[in-house]
Amino acid sequence: MKLNKKYTWAWILWIVGFGVIEYMAIKDKRKGDTLSEHVWKPIGTNHKGKKTAAMWVARGALIAFFTWIIPHFFKGIW
């Protein structure tokens, strides 16, 4: 398969952009700025008390995403 160079560069820039944003968020010591913290909030990580239905839906969506993305990348499964 031949890759389209325009998209290759676009994906590289996207990854670099993510890296820059995440680096800035890590250097900024305030809470709620990294990607992890943005994922932890809706799935209820570190949530004290009973998990809400929305948190369980978000957890299910995250599990479904990883159930799809891992074979997608490693096996070429769509």
N, C-alpha and C. Protein backbone atom coordinates (compact mmCIF):
# COMPACT_ATOMS: atom_id res chain seq x y z
N MET A 1 0.85 -1.18 0.00
CA MET A 1 0.00 0.00 0.00
C MET A 1 0.89 1.24 0.00
N LYS A 2 0.59 2.16 -0.88
CA LYS A 2 1.33 3.42 -0.94
C LYS A 2 0.57 4.48 -0.13
N LEU A 3 1.28 5.19 0.71
CA LEU A 3 0.67 6.22 1.55
C LEU A 3 0.67 7.56 0.83
N ASN A 4 -0.39 8.31 1.04
CA ASN A 4 -0.50 9.66 0.51
C ASN A 4 0.35 10.59 1.38
N LYS A 5 1.36 11.21 0.80
CA LYS A 5 2.30 12.03 1.57
C LYS A 5 1.63 13.21 2.28
N LYS A 6 0.60 13.77 1.67
CA LYS A 6 -0.10 14.89 2.32
C LYS A 6 -0.71 14.43 3.64
N TYR A 7 -1.35 13.27 3.62
CA TYR A 7 -1.96 12.76 4.85
C TYR A 7 -0.90 12.29 5.85
N THR A 8 0.18 11.75 5.35
CA THR A 8 1.27 11.34 6.24
C THR A 8 1.76 12.55 7.02
N TRP A 9 2.02 13.65 6.33
CA TRP A 9 2.46 14.86 7.01
C TRP A 9 1.38 15.43 7.93
N ALA A 10 0.14 15.33 7.51
CA ALA A 10 -0.96 15.81 8.36
C ALA A 10 -1.03 15.01 9.67
N TRP A 11 -0.88 13.68 9.56
CA TRP A 11 -0.89 12.85 10.78
C TRP A 11 0.33 13.13 11.64
N ILE A 12 1.47 13.34 11.04
CA ILE A 12 2.67 13.68 11.81
C ILE A 12 2.45 15.00 12.55
N LEU A 13 1.91 15.99 11.87
CA LEU A 13 1.63 17.28 12.52
C LEU A 13 0.61 17.14 13.63
N TRP A 14 -0.40 16.30 13.41
CA TRP A 14 -1.42 16.05 14.42
C TRP A 14 -0.79 15.44 15.67
N ILE A 15 0.10 14.45 15.49
CA ILE A 15 0.77 13.81 16.61
C ILE A 15 1.70 14.80 17.32
N VAL A 16 2.44 15.58 16.56
CA VAL A 16 3.32 16.60 17.16
C VAL A 16 2.48 17.61 17.94
N GLY A 17 1.36 18.04 17.35
CA GLY A 17 0.46 18.97 18.04
C GLY A 17 -0.03 18.40 19.35
N PHE A 18 -0.43 17.12 19.33
CA PHE A 18 -0.84 16.46 20.57
C PHE A 18 0.30 16.49 21.58
N GLY A 19 1.51 16.15 21.12
CA GLY A 19 2.66 16.14 22.02
C GLY A 19 2.92 17.50 22.64
N VAL A 20 2.80 18.55 21.86
CA VAL A 20 3.01 19.91 22.37
C VAL A 20 1.94 20.26 23.41
N ILE A 21 0.69 19.95 23.10
CA ILE A 21 -0.40 20.25 24.03
C ILE A 21 -0.22 19.47 25.34
N GLU A 22 0.09 18.17 25.22
CA GLU A 22 0.26 17.34 26.41
C GLU A 22 1.47 17.80 27.23
N TYR A 23 2.56 18.17 26.56
CA TYR A 23 3.74 18.67 27.26
C TYR A 23 3.41 19.95 28.03
N MET A 24 2.69 20.86 27.38
CA MET A 24 2.31 22.11 28.05
C MET A 24 1.41 21.81 29.25
N ALA A 25 0.50 20.85 29.10
CA ALA A 25 -0.40 20.49 30.19
C ALA A 25 0.36 19.86 31.35
N ILE A 26 1.34 19.04 31.05
CA ILE A 26 2.14 18.40 32.10
C ILE A 26 2.96 19.45 32.84
N LYS A 27 3.54 20.40 32.12
CA LYS A 27 4.33 21.46 32.76
C LYS A 27 3.46 22.38 33.61
N ASP A 28 2.21 22.56 33.21
CA ASP A 28 1.25 23.37 33.96
C ASP A 28 0.75 22.50 35.11
N LYS A 29 1.07 22.84 36.32
CA LYS A 29 0.79 21.98 37.46
C LYS A 29 -0.66 22.01 37.94
N ARG A 30 -1.51 22.79 37.28
CA ARG A 30 -2.92 22.80 37.68
C ARG A 30 -3.58 21.49 37.28
N LYS A 31 -4.64 21.14 37.95
CA LYS A 31 -5.37 19.91 37.65
C LYS A 31 -6.33 20.14 36.49
N GLY A 32 -6.63 19.05 35.77
CA GLY A 32 -7.64 19.09 34.74
C GLY A 32 -7.16 19.56 33.38
N ASP A 33 -5.87 19.34 33.09
CA ASP A 33 -5.38 19.85 31.81
C ASP A 33 -4.84 18.77 30.88
N THR A 34 -4.39 17.63 31.41
CA THR A 34 -3.83 16.58 30.53
C THR A 34 -4.96 15.76 29.90
N LEU A 35 -4.62 15.01 28.87
CA LEU A 35 -5.60 14.13 28.24
C LEU A 35 -6.12 13.11 29.25
N SER A 36 -5.22 12.55 30.05
CA SER A 36 -5.64 11.57 31.06
C SER A 36 -6.69 12.16 31.98
N GLU A 37 -6.45 13.35 32.46
CA GLU A 37 -7.42 13.98 33.37
C GLU A 37 -8.74 14.25 32.67
N HIS A 38 -8.69 14.54 31.39
CA HIS A 38 -9.93 14.75 30.64
C HIS A 38 -10.69 13.45 30.39
N VAL A 39 -9.98 12.33 30.41
CA VAL A 39 -10.64 11.03 30.28
C VAL A 39 -11.12 10.56 31.65
N TRP A 40 -10.31 10.78 32.68
CA TRP A 40 -10.67 10.32 34.02
C TRP A 40 -11.98 10.92 34.52
N LYS A 41 -12.23 12.17 34.20
CA LYS A 41 -13.42 12.86 34.71
C LYS A 41 -14.72 12.16 34.28
N PRO A 42 -14.97 11.95 32.99
CA PRO A 42 -16.24 11.34 32.61
C PRO A 42 -16.36 9.86 32.98
N ILE A 43 -15.23 9.14 33.14
CA ILE A 43 -15.35 7.73 33.50
C ILE A 43 -15.34 7.51 35.01
N GLY A 44 -15.12 8.58 35.76
CA GLY A 44 -15.25 8.50 37.21
C GLY A 44 -14.02 8.04 37.96
N THR A 45 -12.85 8.12 37.36
CA THR A 45 -11.62 7.79 38.08
C THR A 45 -11.47 8.80 39.22
N ASN A 46 -11.11 8.29 40.38
CA ASN A 46 -10.95 9.11 41.60
C ASN A 46 -12.26 9.76 42.05
N HIS A 47 -13.38 9.28 41.52
CA HIS A 47 -14.68 9.82 41.93
C HIS A 47 -15.09 9.18 43.24
N LYS A 48 -15.38 9.99 44.20
CA LYS A 48 -15.82 9.48 45.49
C LYS A 48 -17.34 9.34 45.45
N GLY A 49 -17.82 8.23 45.89
CA GLY A 49 -19.25 8.00 45.87
C GLY A 49 -19.64 7.05 44.75
N LYS A 50 -20.93 6.89 44.60
CA LYS A 50 -21.48 5.95 43.62
C LYS A 50 -21.26 6.47 42.20
N LYS A 51 -20.88 5.56 41.33
CA LYS A 51 -20.69 5.93 39.92
C LYS A 51 -22.05 6.18 39.28
N THR A 52 -22.15 7.19 38.46
CA THR A 52 -23.40 7.52 37.79
C THR A 52 -23.57 6.68 36.53
N ALA A 53 -24.78 6.67 35.99
CA ALA A 53 -25.04 5.96 34.75
C ALA A 53 -24.19 6.52 33.62
N ALA A 54 -24.01 7.84 33.60
CA ALA A 54 -23.20 8.47 32.56
C ALA A 54 -21.75 7.99 32.63
N MET A 55 -21.23 7.79 33.84
CA MET A 55 -19.87 7.30 33.99
C MET A 55 -19.75 5.88 33.45
N TRP A 56 -20.76 5.04 33.71
CA TRP A 56 -20.73 3.67 33.19
C TRP A 56 -20.85 3.66 31.67
N VAL A 57 -21.64 4.55 31.11
CA VAL A 57 -21.75 4.65 29.65
C VAL A 57 -20.40 5.08 29.07
N ALA A 58 -19.76 6.07 29.69
CA ALA A 58 -18.45 6.54 29.23
C ALA A 58 -17.41 5.43 29.33
N ARG A 59 -17.46 4.65 30.40
CA ARG A 59 -16.52 3.52 30.54
C ARG A 59 -16.76 2.49 29.45
N GLY A 60 -18.03 2.20 29.19
CA GLY A 60 -18.37 1.24 28.13
C GLY A 60 -17.89 1.73 26.77
N ALA A 61 -18.06 3.02 26.50
CA ALA A 61 -17.61 3.59 25.23
C ALA A 61 -16.10 3.49 25.10
N LEU A 62 -15.38 3.75 26.18
CA LEU A 62 -13.92 3.67 26.15
C LEU A 62 -13.46 2.22 25.93
N ILE A 63 -14.11 1.28 26.60
CA ILE A 63 -13.78 -0.13 26.40
C ILE A 63 -14.08 -0.54 24.96
N ALA A 64 -15.23 -0.11 24.42
CA ALA A 64 -15.59 -0.43 23.04
C ALA A 64 -14.56 0.15 22.07
N PHE A 65 -14.12 1.38 22.32
CA PHE A 65 -13.13 2.01 21.47
C PHE A 65 -11.84 1.20 21.43
N PHE A 66 -11.33 0.82 22.61
CA PHE A 66 -10.08 0.06 22.65
C PHE A 66 -10.25 -1.36 22.11
N THR A 67 -11.44 -1.93 22.29
CA THR A 67 -11.72 -3.25 21.72
C THR A 67 -11.65 -3.19 20.20
N TRP A 68 -12.02 -2.06 19.62
CA TRP A 68 -11.94 -1.88 18.18
C TRP A 68 -10.55 -1.44 17.72
N ILE A 69 -9.94 -0.46 18.39
CA ILE A 69 -8.71 0.16 17.88
C ILE A 69 -7.51 -0.78 17.92
N ILE A 70 -7.42 -1.63 18.92
CA ILE A 70 -6.26 -2.51 19.03
C ILE A 70 -6.20 -3.50 17.86
N PRO A 71 -7.27 -4.28 17.58
CA PRO A 71 -7.18 -5.15 16.40
C PRO A 71 -7.11 -4.35 15.09
N HIS A 72 -7.72 -3.15 15.08
CA HIS A 72 -7.67 -2.31 13.88
C HIS A 72 -6.22 -1.99 13.52
N PHE A 73 -5.42 -1.59 14.50
CA PHE A 73 -4.03 -1.24 14.25
C PHE A 73 -3.16 -2.47 14.01
N PHE A 74 -3.33 -3.51 14.81
CA PHE A 74 -2.41 -4.64 14.75
C PHE A 74 -2.78 -5.71 13.73
N LYS A 75 -4.06 -5.78 13.37
CA LYS A 75 -4.49 -6.81 12.42
C LYS A 75 -5.06 -6.23 11.12
N GLY A 76 -5.25 -4.94 11.07
CA GLY A 76 -5.83 -4.32 9.88
C GLY A 76 -7.33 -4.58 9.75
N ILE A 77 -7.98 -4.87 10.88
CA ILE A 77 -9.41 -5.15 10.90
C ILE A 77 -10.16 -3.81 10.95
N TRP A 78 -11.14 -3.65 10.10
CA TRP A 78 -11.91 -2.41 10.09
C TRP A 78 -13.04 -2.53 11.05
